[in-house]
Amino acid sequence: MAILRQIDVQLIKVSFNRVFAQKAALAEKFYHHLFLELPDAEAMFTRDFSHQTEMFARVLTTGMQSLGRDRDMMVLVDNLLQRHKHLGLTLDQMYTAQRALHLAFCEVMQAELTAAEVSAWDNAIGRLCRALAAGIEPPAA
């Protein structure tokens, strides 16, 4: 797993409380963008997004706490892969989710974060998504 630059780690830690305060808006925008690109995915969710928002916040918190600790990051990745295994996620879907999260961050956090902080979060999100993509099993031939 690629190492996240120390400056990115510091920028994420400094900005974490501002990001966490917007977790509900981030989750809402993330799913909005995800469903625009993957409309069939919306049927997998209930209309009550409080559970999804809580899961989103848990991943956000765990991901931030694991910065600089690859073993903890891999536990998070393994847990996410197991939790979503029944969905049969593809690499394309994973990268669609990464784009959706990037767009959500840009929309919700643009007034709250500096450009350097947005870049640091984007790097961390990309790192997490690449680790998840590496764990997705290709469909059987």
C-alpha atoms as a PDB file:
ATOM      1  CA  MET A   1       0.000   0.000   0.000  1.00  0.00           C
ATOM      2  CA  ALA A   2       1.403   3.379  -0.983  1.00  0.00           C
ATOM      3  CA  ILE A   3       2.418   5.546   1.934  1.00  0.00           C
ATOM      4  CA  LEU A   4       0.454   8.744   2.422  1.00  0.00           C
ATOM      5  CA  ARG A   5       2.735  11.762   2.600  1.00  0.00           C
ATOM      6  CA  GLN A   6       3.278  13.123   6.112  1.00  0.00           C
ATOM      7  CA  ILE A   7       2.066  16.583   5.064  1.00  0.00           C
ATOM      8  CA  ASP A   8      -1.218  15.027   3.908  1.00  0.00           C
ATOM      9  CA  VAL A   9      -1.558  13.208   7.233  1.00  0.00           C
ATOM     10  CA  GLN A  10      -1.096  16.477   9.130  1.00  0.00           C
ATOM     11  CA  LEU A  11      -3.531  18.381   6.896  1.00  0.00           C
ATOM     12  CA  ILE A  12      -6.171  15.676   7.377  1.00  0.00           C
ATOM     13  CA  LYS A  13      -5.726  15.643  11.145  1.00  0.00           C
ATOM     14  CA  VAL A  14      -5.956  19.446  11.326  1.00  0.00           C
ATOM     15  CA  SER A  15      -9.112  19.538   9.198  1.00  0.00           C
ATOM     16  CA  PHE A  16     -10.810  16.393  10.510  1.00  0.00           C
ATOM     17  CA  ASN A  17     -13.238  18.141  12.891  1.00  0.00           C
ATOM     18  CA  ARG A  18     -14.471  20.403  10.082  1.00  0.00           C
ATOM     19  CA  VAL A  19     -14.990  17.402   7.807  1.00  0.00           C
ATOM     20  CA  PHE A  20     -16.632  15.301  10.517  1.00  0.00           C
ATOM     21  CA  ALA A  21     -19.056  18.157  11.287  1.00  0.00           C
ATOM     22  CA  GLN A  22     -20.296  17.831   7.687  1.00  0.00           C
ATOM     23  CA  LYS A  23     -20.593  14.014   7.671  1.00  0.00           C
ATOM     24  CA  ALA A  24     -24.334  13.994   6.961  1.00  0.00           C
ATOM     25  CA  ALA A  25     -24.024  16.440   4.052  1.00  0.00           C
ATOM     26  CA  LEU A  26     -21.016  14.527   2.714  1.00  0.00           C
ATOM     27  CA  ALA A  27     -22.882  11.221   2.886  1.00  0.00           C
ATOM     28  CA  GLU A  28     -25.937  12.738   1.184  1.00  0.00           C
ATOM     29  CA  LYS A  29     -23.873  14.221  -1.655  1.00  0.00           C
ATOM     30  CA  PHE A  30     -21.806  11.038  -1.988  1.00  0.00           C
ATOM     31  CA  TYR A  31     -24.905   8.904  -2.502  1.00  0.00           C
ATOM     32  CA  HIS A  32     -26.439  11.526  -4.789  1.00  0.00           C
ATOM     33  CA  HIS A  33     -23.427  11.346  -7.121  1.00  0.00           C
ATOM     34  CA  LEU A  34     -23.134   7.574  -6.777  1.00  0.00           C
ATOM     35  CA  PHE A  35     -26.770   7.063  -7.779  1.00  0.00           C
ATOM     36  CA  LEU A  36     -26.431   9.447 -10.727  1.00  0.00           C
ATOM     37  CA  GLU A  37     -23.708   7.210 -12.173  1.00  0.00           C
ATOM     38  CA  LEU A  38     -25.068   3.888 -10.864  1.00  0.00           C
ATOM     39  CA  PRO A  39     -28.863   4.279 -10.776  1.00  0.00           C
ATOM     40  CA  ASP A  40     -29.399   0.551 -10.133  1.00  0.00           C
ATOM     41  CA  ALA A  41     -27.439   0.867  -6.879  1.00  0.00           C
ATOM     42  CA  GLU A  42     -30.160   3.019  -5.315  1.00  0.00           C
ATOM     43  CA  ALA A  43     -32.470   0.008  -5.012  1.00  0.00           C
ATOM     44  CA  MET A  44     -29.985  -1.563  -2.557  1.00  0.00           C
ATOM     45  CA  PHE A  45     -30.637   1.154   0.020  1.00  0.00           C
ATOM     46  CA  THR A  46     -33.586   2.138   2.144  1.00  0.00           C
ATOM     47  CA  ARG A  47     -34.839   5.706   2.166  1.00  0.00           C
ATOM     48  CA  ASP A  48     -33.626   6.139   5.780  1.00  0.00           C
ATOM     49  CA  PHE A  49     -30.030   7.189   5.336  1.00  0.00           C
ATOM     50  CA  SER A  50     -29.314   7.634   9.054  1.00  0.00           C
ATOM     51  CA  HIS A  51     -27.696   4.182   9.160  1.00  0.00           C
ATOM     52  CA  GLN A  52     -25.666   4.923   6.028  1.00  0.00           C
ATOM     53  CA  THR A  53     -24.587   8.279   7.462  1.00  0.00           C
ATOM     54  CA  GLU A  54     -23.410   6.532  10.625  1.00  0.00           C
ATOM     55  CA  MET A  55     -21.484   3.944   8.590  1.00  0.00           C
ATOM     56  CA  PHE A  56     -19.976   6.748   6.508  1.00  0.00           C
ATOM     57  CA  ALA A  57     -18.888   8.552   9.696  1.00  0.00           C
ATOM     58  CA  ARG A  58     -17.384   5.352  11.104  1.00  0.00           C
ATOM     59  CA  VAL A  59     -15.302   4.775   7.959  1.00  0.00           C
ATOM     60  CA  LEU A  60     -14.238   8.434   7.989  1.00  0.00           C
ATOM     61  CA  THR A  61     -13.153   8.228  11.626  1.00  0.00           C
ATOM     62  CA  THR A  62     -11.459   4.853  11.331  1.00  0.00           C
ATOM     63  CA  GLY A  63      -9.696   5.914   8.159  1.00  0.00           C
ATOM     64  CA  MET A  64      -8.370   9.075   9.802  1.00  0.00           C
ATOM     65  CA  GLN A  65      -7.246   7.180  12.894  1.00  0.00           C
ATOM     66  CA  SER A  66      -5.365   4.667  10.748  1.00  0.00           C
ATOM     67  CA  LEU A  67      -3.314   7.284   8.901  1.00  0.00           C
ATOM     68  CA  GLY A  68       0.311   6.275   9.058  1.00  0.00           C
ATOM     69  CA  ARG A  69      -0.607   2.830  10.396  1.00  0.00           C
ATOM     70  CA  ASP A  70      -0.886   0.509   7.407  1.00  0.00           C
ATOM     71  CA  ARG A  71      -1.922  -2.490   9.519  1.00  0.00           C
ATOM     72  CA  ASP A  72      -4.964  -0.585  10.837  1.00  0.00           C
ATOM     73  CA  MET A  73      -5.790   0.613   7.324  1.00  0.00           C
ATOM     74  CA  MET A  74      -5.746  -2.966   6.048  1.00  0.00           C
ATOM     75  CA  VAL A  75      -8.145  -4.005   8.830  1.00  0.00           C
ATOM     76  CA  LEU A  76     -10.499  -1.227   7.697  1.00  0.00           C
ATOM     77  CA  VAL A  77     -10.162  -2.315   4.058  1.00  0.00           C
ATOM     78  CA  ASP A  78     -10.782  -5.966   4.932  1.00  0.00           C
ATOM     79  CA  ASN A  79     -13.864  -5.042   6.983  1.00  0.00           C
ATOM     80  CA  LEU A  80     -15.279  -2.904   4.180  1.00  0.00           C
ATOM     81  CA  LEU A  81     -14.672  -5.628   1.609  1.00  0.00           C
ATOM     82  CA  GLN A  82     -16.390  -8.222   3.807  1.00  0.00           C
ATOM     83  CA  ARG A  83     -19.327  -5.917   4.555  1.00  0.00           C
ATOM     84  CA  HIS A  84     -19.873  -5.240   0.846  1.00  0.00           C
ATOM     85  CA  LYS A  85     -18.963  -8.669  -0.540  1.00  0.00           C
ATOM     86  CA  HIS A  86     -22.597  -9.638  -1.097  1.00  0.00           C
ATOM     87  CA  LEU A  87     -22.928  -6.739  -3.548  1.00  0.00           C
ATOM     88  CA  GLY A  88     -20.387  -8.237  -5.963  1.00  0.00           C
ATOM     89  CA  LEU A  89     -18.647  -4.900  -6.450  1.00  0.00           C
ATOM     90  CA  THR A  90     -16.599  -4.367  -9.586  1.00  0.00           C
ATOM     91  CA  LEU A  91     -13.504  -2.247 -10.099  1.00  0.00           C
ATOM     92  CA  ASP A  92     -15.535   0.203 -12.194  1.00  0.00           C
ATOM     93  CA  GLN A  93     -18.029   0.600  -9.346  1.00  0.00           C
ATOM     94  CA  MET A  94     -15.218   1.183  -6.861  1.00  0.00           C
ATOM     95  CA  TYR A  95     -13.755   3.944  -8.969  1.00  0.00           C
ATOM     96  CA  THR A  96     -17.231   5.390  -9.509  1.00  0.00           C
ATOM     97  CA  ALA A  97     -17.566   5.531  -5.720  1.00  0.00           C
ATOM     98  CA  GLN A  98     -14.198   7.275  -5.515  1.00  0.00           C
ATOM     99  CA  ARG A  99     -15.357   9.909  -8.029  1.00  0.00           C
ATOM    100  CA  ALA A 100     -18.626  10.344  -6.130  1.00  0.00           C
ATOM    101  CA  LEU A 101     -16.743  10.894  -2.883  1.00  0.00           C
ATOM    102  CA  HIS A 102     -14.372  13.349  -4.542  1.00  0.00           C
ATOM    103  CA  LEU A 103     -17.305  15.345  -5.923  1.00  0.00           C
ATOM    104  CA  ALA A 104     -19.047  15.299  -2.541  1.00  0.00           C
ATOM    105  CA  PHE A 105     -15.917  16.637  -0.845  1.00  0.00           C
ATOM    106  CA  CYS A 106     -15.512  19.380  -3.417  1.00  0.00           C
ATOM    107  CA  GLU A 107     -19.132  20.493  -3.117  1.00  0.00           C
ATOM    108  CA  VAL A 108     -19.581  20.268   0.643  1.00  0.00           C
ATOM    109  CA  MET A 109     -16.134  21.219   1.884  1.00  0.00           C
ATOM    110  CA  GLN A 110     -14.967  23.839  -0.623  1.00  0.00           C
ATOM    111  CA  ALA A 111     -15.732  26.718   1.761  1.00  0.00           C
ATOM    112  CA  GLU A 112     -14.436  24.819   4.799  1.00  0.00           C
ATOM    113  CA  LEU A 113     -11.065  23.528   3.582  1.00  0.00           C
ATOM    114  CA  THR A 114      -8.010  24.997   1.937  1.00  0.00           C
ATOM    115  CA  ALA A 115      -6.949  23.679  -1.455  1.00  0.00           C
ATOM    116  CA  ALA A 116      -4.094  21.812   0.259  1.00  0.00           C
ATOM    117  CA  GLU A 117      -6.519  20.159   2.685  1.00  0.00           C
ATOM    118  CA  VAL A 118      -8.849  19.116  -0.153  1.00  0.00           C
ATOM    119  CA  SER A 119      -5.843  17.648  -1.970  1.00  0.00           C
ATOM    120  CA  ALA A 120      -4.761  15.745   1.151  1.00  0.00           C
ATOM    121  CA  TRP A 121      -8.241  14.296   1.624  1.00  0.00           C
ATOM    122  CA  ASP A 122      -8.392  13.404  -2.063  1.00  0.00           C
ATOM    123  CA  ASN A 123      -5.046  11.589  -1.765  1.00  0.00           C
ATOM    124  CA  ALA A 124      -6.272   9.651   1.277  1.00  0.00           C
ATOM    125  CA  ILE A 125      -9.569   8.756  -0.401  1.00  0.00           C
ATOM    126  CA  GLY A 126      -7.679   7.601  -3.485  1.00  0.00           C
ATOM    127  CA  ARG A 127      -5.383   5.476  -1.352  1.00  0.00           C
ATOM    128  CA  LEU A 128      -8.334   3.839   0.412  1.00  0.00           C
ATOM    129  CA  CYS A 129     -10.175   3.203  -2.862  1.00  0.00           C
ATOM    130  CA  ARG A 130      -7.065   1.708  -4.497  1.00  0.00           C
ATOM    131  CA  ALA A 131      -6.667  -0.622  -1.505  1.00  0.00           C
ATOM    132  CA  LEU A 132     -10.321  -1.627  -1.782  1.00  0.00           C
ATOM    133  CA  ALA A 133     -10.005  -2.144  -5.538  1.00  0.00           C
ATOM    134  CA  ALA A 134      -6.995  -4.391  -4.978  1.00  0.00           C
ATOM    135  CA  GLY A 135      -9.181  -6.604  -2.774  1.00  0.00           C
ATOM    136  CA  ILE A 136     -12.072  -6.919  -5.223  1.00  0.00           C
ATOM    137  CA  GLU A 137     -12.157 -10.299  -6.826  1.00  0.00           C
ATOM    138  CA  PRO A 138     -12.679 -10.250 -10.567  1.00  0.00           C
ATOM    139  CA  PRO A 139     -15.728 -12.127 -11.813  1.00  0.00           C
ATOM    140  CA  ALA A 140     -15.172 -15.793 -12.585  1.00  0.00           C
ATOM    141  CA  ALA A 141     -14.431 -16.456 -16.235  1.00  0.00           C
END
